[in-house]
Amino acid sequence: MTSRPAAAHHLNDLARLRRVRDRIDRDYAQPLDVEALARGATMSAGHLSRAFKQAYGESVYAYLMTRRIERAMAMLRRGDLSVTDVCFAVGCSSLGTFSTRFTELVGVAPSVYRREAARATAGMPSCVAKQITRPIRNREAQLTPPPLA
C-alpha cells in the first residue's frame, strides 16, 4: 500500500514529466538536452531519465528524436525543402545522425522518403497523412517497409 505523501510525490513527478514532454513537443527544433530539461523540471538529470523512461517507455533522447523525425517526415512530404534543410529545421545538428535515426525509425533514407512519400500522400489531407505515416519507436522499422500507397 502506498502512503499519501509517496502518492502525492508520484503525481507531482508525473505532472513534471508531462511538462517536459510538452516542452519537447513544443521546442523540438531547439537545442535540448537532458540536463536543461531536468533543470526546468527541478529534477536531477538521472531522476528525469529514469522517471521518463518508466512513464513513457522510451528515453528522453529517443522521444525527442521521434518528434523530430515525425516533423521531418511532414516537411519532406511537402517536397519543397532539401533533406539538409529539413535536418537543420527540426533541430538536428548532424546530417549523418539525422539520416541514420530517420532510416531506423522510418525504414528508408530521408531522400527516398521525400521522393516516394510526396507521391503516396498526394491529395490526402495533411492530418490523415501525418497519422498514417507517424513513426512508432516501439515497433522499429521493418526490414522490408510496407508500401506507402
N, C-alpha and C. Protein backbone atom coordinates (compact mmCIF):
# COMPACT_ATOMS: atom_id res chain seq x y z
N MET A 1 0.83 -1.17 0.00
CA MET A 1 0.00 0.00 0.00
C MET A 1 0.89 1.25 0.00
N THR A 2 0.55 2.23 -0.83
CA THR A 2 1.34 3.44 -0.96
C THR A 2 0.84 4.50 0.01
N SER A 3 1.76 5.17 0.68
CA SER A 3 1.38 6.23 1.61
C SER A 3 0.94 7.47 0.83
N ARG A 4 0.18 8.32 1.48
CA ARG A 4 -0.30 9.55 0.83
C ARG A 4 0.85 10.45 0.37
N PRO A 5 1.88 10.68 1.21
CA PRO A 5 2.98 11.53 0.72
C PRO A 5 3.69 10.92 -0.49
N ALA A 6 3.87 9.60 -0.50
CA ALA A 6 4.52 8.95 -1.64
C ALA A 6 3.65 9.07 -2.89
N ALA A 7 2.35 8.90 -2.74
CA ALA A 7 1.44 9.02 -3.88
C ALA A 7 1.43 10.45 -4.40
N ALA A 8 1.42 11.41 -3.51
CA ALA A 8 1.43 12.82 -3.91
C ALA A 8 2.74 13.15 -4.65
N HIS A 9 3.86 12.63 -4.16
CA HIS A 9 5.15 12.85 -4.81
C HIS A 9 5.14 12.23 -6.21
N HIS A 10 4.57 11.04 -6.34
CA HIS A 10 4.49 10.36 -7.63
C HIS A 10 3.65 11.19 -8.62
N LEU A 11 2.51 11.70 -8.16
CA LEU A 11 1.67 12.53 -9.02
C LEU A 11 2.39 13.83 -9.41
N ASN A 12 3.13 14.39 -8.48
CA ASN A 12 3.91 15.59 -8.76
C ASN A 12 4.97 15.30 -9.84
N ASP A 13 5.64 14.16 -9.72
CA ASP A 13 6.63 13.75 -10.73
C ASP A 13 5.96 13.58 -12.10
N LEU A 14 4.80 12.95 -12.13
CA LEU A 14 4.10 12.74 -13.41
C LEU A 14 3.73 14.08 -14.05
N ALA A 15 3.30 15.04 -13.24
CA ALA A 15 2.98 16.36 -13.78
C ALA A 15 4.23 17.02 -14.37
N ARG A 16 5.35 16.90 -13.68
CA ARG A 16 6.60 17.48 -14.19
C ARG A 16 7.05 16.77 -15.46
N LEU A 17 6.86 15.45 -15.52
CA LEU A 17 7.22 14.69 -16.72
C LEU A 17 6.34 15.12 -17.90
N ARG A 18 5.08 15.37 -17.66
CA ARG A 18 4.19 15.85 -18.71
C ARG A 18 4.65 17.21 -19.24
N ARG A 19 5.10 18.07 -18.32
CA ARG A 19 5.61 19.39 -18.75
C ARG A 19 6.88 19.22 -19.59
N VAL A 20 7.74 18.28 -19.21
CA VAL A 20 8.95 18.01 -20.00
C VAL A 20 8.56 17.51 -21.39
N ARG A 21 7.63 16.58 -21.44
CA ARG A 21 7.18 16.04 -22.74
C ARG A 21 6.55 17.15 -23.58
N ASP A 22 5.74 18.00 -22.96
CA ASP A 22 5.13 19.11 -23.68
C ASP A 22 6.19 20.08 -24.20
N ARG A 23 7.22 20.31 -23.41
CA ARG A 23 8.30 21.21 -23.86
C ARG A 23 9.02 20.61 -25.06
N ILE A 24 9.27 19.31 -25.02
CA ILE A 24 9.92 18.66 -26.17
C ILE A 24 9.03 18.78 -27.40
N ASP A 25 7.73 18.54 -27.24
CA ASP A 25 6.80 18.65 -28.37
C ASP A 25 6.79 20.07 -28.95
N ARG A 26 6.87 21.06 -28.08
CA ARG A 26 6.80 22.46 -28.50
C ARG A 26 8.15 22.97 -29.04
N ASP A 27 9.25 22.62 -28.37
CA ASP A 27 10.57 23.18 -28.69
C ASP A 27 11.51 22.17 -29.34
N TYR A 28 10.97 21.19 -30.05
CA TYR A 28 11.78 20.12 -30.62
C TYR A 28 12.92 20.64 -31.51
N ALA A 29 12.73 21.79 -32.14
CA ALA A 29 13.75 22.31 -33.06
C ALA A 29 14.85 23.07 -32.34
N GLN A 30 14.68 23.29 -31.04
CA GLN A 30 15.69 24.00 -30.24
C GLN A 30 16.73 23.00 -29.74
N PRO A 31 17.91 23.47 -29.38
CA PRO A 31 18.88 22.55 -28.78
C PRO A 31 18.37 22.14 -27.39
N LEU A 32 18.04 20.90 -27.22
CA LEU A 32 17.54 20.39 -25.94
C LEU A 32 18.45 19.26 -25.47
N ASP A 33 18.74 19.24 -24.19
CA ASP A 33 19.48 18.13 -23.62
C ASP A 33 18.84 17.78 -22.28
N VAL A 34 19.13 16.60 -21.80
CA VAL A 34 18.51 16.09 -20.58
C VAL A 34 18.79 17.00 -19.40
N GLU A 35 20.00 17.53 -19.30
CA GLU A 35 20.34 18.39 -18.17
C GLU A 35 19.48 19.65 -18.14
N ALA A 36 19.30 20.29 -19.29
CA ALA A 36 18.48 21.51 -19.36
C ALA A 36 17.02 21.19 -19.07
N LEU A 37 16.53 20.10 -19.63
CA LEU A 37 15.14 19.71 -19.37
C LEU A 37 14.94 19.39 -17.89
N ALA A 38 15.92 18.73 -17.29
CA ALA A 38 15.83 18.38 -15.87
C ALA A 38 15.82 19.63 -15.01
N ARG A 39 16.69 20.59 -15.33
CA ARG A 39 16.70 21.85 -14.57
C ARG A 39 15.35 22.53 -14.64
N GLY A 40 14.74 22.56 -15.82
CA GLY A 40 13.44 23.19 -16.00
C GLY A 40 12.34 22.48 -15.22
N ALA A 41 12.53 21.20 -14.95
CA ALA A 41 11.54 20.42 -14.21
C ALA A 41 11.92 20.28 -12.74
N THR A 42 12.98 20.95 -12.32
CA THR A 42 13.53 20.85 -10.96
C THR A 42 13.72 19.40 -10.53
N MET A 43 14.40 18.65 -11.39
CA MET A 43 14.74 17.25 -11.13
C MET A 43 16.22 17.08 -11.49
N SER A 44 16.82 16.05 -10.96
CA SER A 44 18.17 15.72 -11.42
C SER A 44 18.05 15.05 -12.79
N ALA A 45 19.10 15.13 -13.57
CA ALA A 45 19.10 14.52 -14.90
C ALA A 45 18.87 13.01 -14.81
N GLY A 46 19.51 12.38 -13.82
CA GLY A 46 19.34 10.94 -13.66
C GLY A 46 17.92 10.56 -13.31
N HIS A 47 17.31 11.32 -12.38
CA HIS A 47 15.93 11.03 -11.99
C HIS A 47 14.98 11.26 -13.16
N LEU A 48 15.18 12.36 -13.90
CA LEU A 48 14.35 12.62 -15.07
C LEU A 48 14.46 11.48 -16.07
N SER A 49 15.67 11.05 -16.36
CA SER A 49 15.87 9.97 -17.33
C SER A 49 15.15 8.69 -16.91
N ARG A 50 15.33 8.30 -15.66
CA ARG A 50 14.68 7.07 -15.17
C ARG A 50 13.16 7.20 -15.15
N ALA A 51 12.67 8.32 -14.62
CA ALA A 51 11.23 8.50 -14.50
C ALA A 51 10.56 8.62 -15.86
N PHE A 52 11.20 9.32 -16.81
CA PHE A 52 10.64 9.49 -18.15
C PHE A 52 10.52 8.14 -18.84
N LYS A 53 11.58 7.35 -18.76
CA LYS A 53 11.56 6.03 -19.39
C LYS A 53 10.48 5.14 -18.76
N GLN A 54 10.34 5.20 -17.45
CA GLN A 54 9.33 4.40 -16.77
C GLN A 54 7.92 4.85 -17.17
N ALA A 55 7.72 6.15 -17.27
CA ALA A 55 6.39 6.68 -17.58
C ALA A 55 6.01 6.52 -19.05
N TYR A 56 6.96 6.72 -19.96
CA TYR A 56 6.64 6.77 -21.39
C TYR A 56 7.24 5.63 -22.21
N GLY A 57 8.04 4.79 -21.60
CA GLY A 57 8.56 3.62 -22.30
C GLY A 57 9.74 3.88 -23.21
N GLU A 58 10.27 5.09 -23.21
CA GLU A 58 11.44 5.40 -24.02
C GLU A 58 12.21 6.53 -23.35
N SER A 59 13.46 6.65 -23.71
CA SER A 59 14.31 7.68 -23.10
C SER A 59 13.90 9.06 -23.59
N VAL A 60 14.35 10.08 -22.88
CA VAL A 60 14.10 11.46 -23.26
C VAL A 60 14.66 11.70 -24.67
N TYR A 61 15.87 11.25 -24.93
CA TYR A 61 16.50 11.44 -26.23
C TYR A 61 15.71 10.73 -27.34
N ALA A 62 15.27 9.51 -27.08
CA ALA A 62 14.50 8.77 -28.08
C ALA A 62 13.20 9.49 -28.38
N TYR A 63 12.54 10.01 -27.35
CA TYR A 63 11.28 10.73 -27.56
C TYR A 63 11.54 11.99 -28.39
N LEU A 64 12.59 12.73 -28.06
CA LEU A 64 12.93 13.94 -28.81
C LEU A 64 13.21 13.61 -30.27
N MET A 65 14.00 12.58 -30.51
CA MET A 65 14.33 12.22 -31.89
C MET A 65 13.10 11.74 -32.65
N THR A 66 12.20 11.03 -31.99
CA THR A 66 10.96 10.60 -32.65
C THR A 66 10.14 11.80 -33.05
N ARG A 67 10.03 12.79 -32.18
CA ARG A 67 9.28 14.01 -32.53
C ARG A 67 9.95 14.73 -33.69
N ARG A 68 11.28 14.82 -33.67
CA ARG A 68 11.99 15.50 -34.75
C ARG A 68 11.79 14.77 -36.08
N ILE A 69 11.86 13.46 -36.05
CA ILE A 69 11.68 12.68 -37.28
C ILE A 69 10.25 12.82 -37.77
N GLU A 70 9.29 12.81 -36.86
CA GLU A 70 7.89 13.00 -37.23
C GLU A 70 7.70 14.33 -37.96
N ARG A 71 8.29 15.41 -37.42
CA ARG A 71 8.17 16.71 -38.07
C ARG A 71 8.92 16.72 -39.40
N ALA A 72 10.07 16.05 -39.43
CA ALA A 72 10.83 15.96 -40.68
C ALA A 72 10.03 15.24 -41.76
N MET A 73 9.32 14.20 -41.38
CA MET A 73 8.51 13.47 -42.36
C MET A 73 7.48 14.40 -43.01
N ALA A 74 6.83 15.22 -42.21
CA ALA A 74 5.84 16.16 -42.75
C ALA A 74 6.51 17.15 -43.70
N MET A 75 7.67 17.66 -43.33
CA MET A 75 8.38 18.61 -44.19
C MET A 75 8.83 17.96 -45.49
N LEU A 76 9.30 16.71 -45.39
CA LEU A 76 9.76 16.01 -46.59
C LEU A 76 8.59 15.67 -47.52
N ARG A 77 7.42 15.38 -46.95
CA ARG A 77 6.24 15.11 -47.79
C ARG A 77 5.86 16.32 -48.62
N ARG A 78 6.07 17.52 -48.06
CA ARG A 78 5.75 18.73 -48.82
C ARG A 78 6.62 18.83 -50.06
N GLY A 79 7.88 18.38 -49.96
CA GLY A 79 8.77 18.30 -51.12
C GLY A 79 9.46 19.58 -51.51
N ASP A 80 9.29 20.68 -50.74
CA ASP A 80 9.90 21.94 -51.16
C ASP A 80 11.23 22.24 -50.46
N LEU A 81 11.67 21.37 -49.55
CA LEU A 81 12.94 21.56 -48.84
C LEU A 81 13.87 20.38 -49.11
N SER A 82 15.15 20.66 -49.09
CA SER A 82 16.12 19.57 -49.24
C SER A 82 16.21 18.80 -47.92
N VAL A 83 16.77 17.62 -47.97
CA VAL A 83 16.97 16.82 -46.76
C VAL A 83 17.85 17.58 -45.76
N THR A 84 18.87 18.26 -46.25
CA THR A 84 19.75 19.03 -45.37
C THR A 84 18.98 20.15 -44.68
N ASP A 85 18.15 20.88 -45.44
CA ASP A 85 17.35 21.96 -44.86
C ASP A 85 16.41 21.41 -43.79
N VAL A 86 15.79 20.29 -44.06
CA VAL A 86 14.87 19.68 -43.10
C VAL A 86 15.62 19.24 -41.85
N CYS A 87 16.78 18.64 -42.02
CA CYS A 87 17.60 18.20 -40.90
C CYS A 87 17.83 19.34 -39.92
N PHE A 88 18.25 20.48 -40.41
CA PHE A 88 18.55 21.61 -39.54
C PHE A 88 17.28 22.28 -39.03
N ALA A 89 16.21 22.26 -39.82
CA ALA A 89 14.94 22.88 -39.41
C ALA A 89 14.32 22.17 -38.21
N VAL A 90 14.55 20.87 -38.08
CA VAL A 90 13.97 20.13 -36.96
C VAL A 90 14.90 20.06 -35.75
N GLY A 91 16.05 20.74 -35.83
CA GLY A 91 16.92 20.83 -34.67
C GLY A 91 18.07 19.86 -34.62
N CYS A 92 18.29 19.10 -35.66
CA CYS A 92 19.43 18.19 -35.69
C CYS A 92 20.65 18.97 -36.17
N SER A 93 21.79 18.68 -35.59
CA SER A 93 23.00 19.40 -35.98
C SER A 93 23.93 18.56 -36.84
N SER A 94 23.57 17.29 -37.04
CA SER A 94 24.40 16.40 -37.85
C SER A 94 23.52 15.69 -38.88
N LEU A 95 23.84 15.91 -40.15
CA LEU A 95 23.07 15.27 -41.21
C LEU A 95 23.22 13.75 -41.14
N GLY A 96 24.41 13.27 -40.77
CA GLY A 96 24.63 11.83 -40.66
C GLY A 96 23.77 11.20 -39.58
N THR A 97 23.74 11.81 -38.39
CA THR A 97 22.92 11.29 -37.31
C THR A 97 21.44 11.36 -37.68
N PHE A 98 21.02 12.47 -38.27
CA PHE A 98 19.63 12.62 -38.71
C PHE A 98 19.26 11.51 -39.68
N SER A 99 20.08 11.28 -40.69
CA SER A 99 19.79 10.26 -41.71
C SER A 99 19.74 8.87 -41.09
N THR A 100 20.67 8.58 -40.17
CA THR A 100 20.69 7.27 -39.51
C THR A 100 19.43 7.06 -38.69
N ARG A 101 19.06 8.03 -37.85
CA ARG A 101 17.87 7.91 -36.99
C ARG A 101 16.61 7.84 -37.85
N PHE A 102 16.55 8.65 -38.91
CA PHE A 102 15.39 8.64 -39.80
C PHE A 102 15.22 7.25 -40.41
N THR A 103 16.31 6.70 -40.92
CA THR A 103 16.24 5.38 -41.55
C THR A 103 15.85 4.30 -40.54
N GLU A 104 16.36 4.39 -39.31
CA GLU A 104 15.99 3.42 -38.27
C GLU A 104 14.51 3.48 -37.95
N LEU A 105 13.96 4.67 -37.86
CA LEU A 105 12.55 4.81 -37.48
C LEU A 105 11.58 4.60 -38.63
N VAL A 106 11.94 5.08 -39.81
CA VAL A 106 11.01 5.07 -40.93
C VAL A 106 11.22 3.87 -41.85
N GLY A 107 12.44 3.40 -41.92
CA GLY A 107 12.72 2.22 -42.75
C GLY A 107 13.34 2.55 -44.09
N VAL A 108 13.36 3.82 -44.46
CA VAL A 108 14.01 4.26 -45.70
C VAL A 108 14.78 5.54 -45.41
N ALA A 109 15.74 5.84 -46.24
CA ALA A 109 16.53 7.06 -46.08
C ALA A 109 15.64 8.29 -46.33
N PRO A 110 15.98 9.42 -45.73
CA PRO A 110 15.16 10.62 -45.93
C PRO A 110 14.97 11.01 -47.40
N SER A 111 16.00 10.87 -48.20
CA SER A 111 15.88 11.24 -49.62
C SER A 111 14.89 10.32 -50.34
N VAL A 112 14.90 9.05 -50.01
CA VAL A 112 13.96 8.10 -50.61
C VAL A 112 12.54 8.43 -50.12
N TYR A 113 12.41 8.69 -48.84
CA TYR A 113 11.10 9.04 -48.29
C TYR A 113 10.55 10.28 -48.97
N ARG A 114 11.39 11.28 -49.14
CA ARG A 114 10.96 12.53 -49.77
C ARG A 114 10.42 12.28 -51.16
N ARG A 115 11.11 11.43 -51.91
CA ARG A 115 10.72 11.12 -53.28
C ARG A 115 9.41 10.34 -53.33
N GLU A 116 9.30 9.31 -52.47
CA GLU A 116 8.15 8.39 -52.53
C GLU A 116 6.93 8.88 -51.76
N ALA A 117 7.13 9.50 -50.62
CA ALA A 117 6.01 9.89 -49.77
C ALA A 117 5.18 11.01 -50.38
N ALA A 118 5.83 11.93 -51.07
CA ALA A 118 5.09 13.02 -51.69
C ALA A 118 4.07 12.47 -52.68
N ARG A 119 4.47 11.44 -53.42
CA ARG A 119 3.54 10.81 -54.38
C ARG A 119 2.46 10.02 -53.64
N ALA A 120 2.85 9.28 -52.62
CA ALA A 120 1.93 8.38 -51.92
C ALA A 120 0.84 9.13 -51.16
N THR A 121 1.14 10.34 -50.68
CA THR A 121 0.16 11.08 -49.89
C THR A 121 -0.45 12.24 -50.66
N ALA A 122 -0.20 12.32 -51.96
CA ALA A 122 -0.75 13.39 -52.78
C ALA A 122 -2.27 13.37 -52.70
N GLY A 123 -2.87 14.53 -52.47
CA GLY A 123 -4.32 14.63 -52.41
C GLY A 123 -4.93 14.24 -51.07
N MET A 124 -4.11 13.74 -50.17
CA MET A 124 -4.59 13.30 -48.87
C MET A 124 -4.53 14.49 -47.90
N PRO A 125 -5.56 14.68 -47.07
CA PRO A 125 -5.47 15.76 -46.07
C PRO A 125 -4.23 15.56 -45.19
N SER A 126 -3.56 16.65 -44.85
CA SER A 126 -2.31 16.55 -44.11
C SER A 126 -2.49 15.87 -42.76
N CYS A 127 -3.66 16.06 -42.12
CA CYS A 127 -3.87 15.42 -40.81
C CYS A 127 -3.95 13.90 -40.95
N VAL A 128 -4.48 13.41 -42.05
CA VAL A 128 -4.54 11.97 -42.30
C VAL A 128 -3.15 11.45 -42.66
N ALA A 129 -2.44 12.16 -43.53
CA ALA A 129 -1.09 11.75 -43.92
C ALA A 129 -0.19 11.68 -42.70
N LYS A 130 -0.31 12.65 -41.80
CA LYS A 130 0.51 12.66 -40.58
C LYS A 130 0.22 11.43 -39.74
N GLN A 131 -1.03 11.08 -39.59
CA GLN A 131 -1.41 9.95 -38.73
C GLN A 131 -0.93 8.62 -39.31
N ILE A 132 -1.09 8.42 -40.60
CA ILE A 132 -0.72 7.10 -41.16
C ILE A 132 0.77 6.95 -41.39
N THR A 133 1.52 8.06 -41.41
CA THR A 133 2.96 7.96 -41.63
C THR A 133 3.76 8.21 -40.37
N ARG A 134 3.10 8.35 -39.24
CA ARG A 134 3.78 8.66 -37.97
C ARG A 134 4.76 7.56 -37.57
N PRO A 135 6.00 7.94 -37.23
CA PRO A 135 6.97 6.92 -36.80
C PRO A 135 6.59 6.39 -35.42
N ILE A 136 6.72 5.10 -35.24
CA ILE A 136 6.40 4.49 -33.95
C ILE A 136 7.62 3.72 -33.48
N ARG A 137 8.27 4.27 -32.46
CA ARG A 137 9.52 3.71 -31.97
C ARG A 137 9.36 2.29 -31.45
N ASN A 138 8.28 1.98 -30.80
CA ASN A 138 8.14 0.67 -30.17
C ASN A 138 8.04 -0.46 -31.19
N ARG A 139 7.83 -0.15 -32.43
CA ARG A 139 7.94 -1.18 -33.46
C ARG A 139 8.86 -0.63 -34.54
N GLU A 140 10.14 -0.70 -34.22
CA GLU A 140 11.17 -0.15 -35.10
C GLU A 140 10.91 -0.56 -36.55
N ALA A 141 11.45 0.20 -37.45
CA ALA A 141 11.23 -0.02 -38.87
C ALA A 141 11.53 -1.48 -39.24
N GLN A 142 10.66 -2.01 -40.08
CA GLN A 142 10.82 -3.39 -40.54
C GLN A 142 11.90 -3.43 -41.62
N LEU A 143 12.46 -4.62 -41.83
CA LEU A 143 13.49 -4.76 -42.86
C LEU A 143 12.94 -4.42 -44.23
N THR A 144 11.73 -4.87 -44.54
CA THR A 144 11.10 -4.52 -45.80
C THR A 144 9.90 -3.64 -45.45
N PRO A 145 10.04 -2.32 -45.66
CA PRO A 145 8.97 -1.42 -45.27
C PRO A 145 7.70 -1.68 -46.08
N PRO A 146 6.54 -1.49 -45.45
CA PRO A 146 5.29 -1.66 -46.18
C PRO A 146 5.17 -0.58 -47.25
N PRO A 147 4.44 -0.83 -48.31
CA PRO A 147 4.31 0.18 -49.36
C PRO A 147 3.61 1.42 -48.82
N LEU A 148 4.02 2.60 -49.29
CA LEU A 148 3.44 3.85 -48.81
C LEU A 148 2.06 4.11 -49.41
N ALA A 149 1.76 3.52 -50.53
CA ALA A 149 0.46 3.77 -51.16
C ALA A 149 -0.51 2.65 -50.91
